[in-house]
Amino acid sequence: MTTKLEVERQKLYDTDYLRWMETTVEKLRVRDYSNIDWENLIAEIEDIGRR
């Protein structure tokens, strides 16, 4: 089941990558791990590893 928060995270990632990145970094800084878009963050890290 997909929650509203998960849908909002995916929408931000798809529509405003820079804002998604800034939001993700800020959440990591304050250790707000429960609200991080883990799926897309992991995909981005994997992509960096392939470059």
C-alpha atoms as a PDB file:
ATOM      1  CA  MET A   1       0.000   0.000   0.000  1.00  0.00           C
ATOM      2  CA  THR A   2       1.370   3.401  -0.977  1.00  0.00           C
ATOM      3  CA  THR A   3       0.934   6.212   1.515  1.00  0.00           C
ATOM      4  CA  LYS A   4       0.213   9.840   0.688  1.00  0.00           C
ATOM      5  CA  LEU A   5       3.696  10.813   1.912  1.00  0.00           C
ATOM      6  CA  GLU A   6       5.340   8.298  -0.437  1.00  0.00           C
ATOM      7  CA  VAL A   7       3.353   9.674  -3.367  1.00  0.00           C
ATOM      8  CA  GLU A   8       4.356  13.242  -2.465  1.00  0.00           C
ATOM      9  CA  ARG A   9       8.050  12.241  -2.244  1.00  0.00           C
ATOM     10  CA  GLN A  10       7.929  10.590  -5.658  1.00  0.00           C
ATOM     11  CA  LYS A  11       6.133  13.580  -7.154  1.00  0.00           C
ATOM     12  CA  LEU A  12       8.791  15.963  -5.826  1.00  0.00           C
ATOM     13  CA  TYR A  13      11.551  13.755  -7.195  1.00  0.00           C
ATOM     14  CA  ASP A  14       9.882  13.648 -10.601  1.00  0.00           C
ATOM     15  CA  THR A  15       8.980  17.337 -10.827  1.00  0.00           C
ATOM     16  CA  ASP A  16      11.682  19.296  -8.972  1.00  0.00           C
ATOM     17  CA  TYR A  17      14.911  17.328  -8.626  1.00  0.00           C
ATOM     18  CA  LEU A  18      16.888  20.180  -7.044  1.00  0.00           C
ATOM     19  CA  ARG A  19      14.242  20.743  -4.373  1.00  0.00           C
ATOM     20  CA  TRP A  20      14.067  16.984  -3.769  1.00  0.00           C
ATOM     21  CA  MET A  21      17.848  16.902  -3.290  1.00  0.00           C
ATOM     22  CA  GLU A  22      17.855  19.906  -0.931  1.00  0.00           C
ATOM     23  CA  THR A  23      14.993  18.424   1.081  1.00  0.00           C
ATOM     24  CA  THR A  24      16.709  15.049   1.290  1.00  0.00           C
ATOM     25  CA  VAL A  25      20.008  16.576   2.429  1.00  0.00           C
ATOM     26  CA  GLU A  26      18.260  18.629   5.093  1.00  0.00           C
ATOM     27  CA  LYS A  27      16.416  15.564   6.394  1.00  0.00           C
ATOM     28  CA  LEU A  28      19.699  13.680   6.594  1.00  0.00           C
ATOM     29  CA  ARG A  29      21.337  16.574   8.460  1.00  0.00           C
ATOM     30  CA  VAL A  30      18.633  16.633  11.125  1.00  0.00           C
ATOM     31  CA  ARG A  31      18.471  12.823  11.182  1.00  0.00           C
ATOM     32  CA  ASP A  32      14.810  12.740  10.096  1.00  0.00           C
ATOM     33  CA  TYR A  33      15.283   9.246   8.716  1.00  0.00           C
ATOM     34  CA  SER A  34      11.622   8.283   8.756  1.00  0.00           C
ATOM     35  CA  ASN A  35      10.766  10.932   6.155  1.00  0.00           C
ATOM     36  CA  ILE A  36      13.542  10.333   3.643  1.00  0.00           C
ATOM     37  CA  ASP A  37      12.712   9.167   0.141  1.00  0.00           C
ATOM     38  CA  TRP A  38      14.889   6.078   0.522  1.00  0.00           C
ATOM     39  CA  GLU A  39      13.949   4.437  -2.768  1.00  0.00           C
ATOM     40  CA  ASN A  40      15.086   7.357  -4.911  1.00  0.00           C
ATOM     41  CA  LEU A  41      18.060   8.177  -2.683  1.00  0.00           C
ATOM     42  CA  ILE A  42      19.368   4.633  -3.038  1.00  0.00           C
ATOM     43  CA  ALA A  43      18.833   4.766  -6.802  1.00  0.00           C
ATOM     44  CA  GLU A  44      20.814   8.025  -6.979  1.00  0.00           C
ATOM     45  CA  ILE A  45      23.689   6.579  -4.948  1.00  0.00           C
ATOM     46  CA  GLU A  46      23.771   3.483  -7.145  1.00  0.00           C
ATOM     47  CA  ASP A  47      23.844   5.713 -10.228  1.00  0.00           C
ATOM     48  CA  ILE A  48      26.805   7.668  -8.833  1.00  0.00           C
ATOM     49  CA  GLY A  49      28.630   4.377  -8.322  1.00  0.00           C
ATOM     50  CA  ARG A  50      28.183   3.480 -11.989  1.00  0.00           C
ATOM     51  CA  ARG A  51      29.639   6.727 -13.316  1.00  0.00           C
END
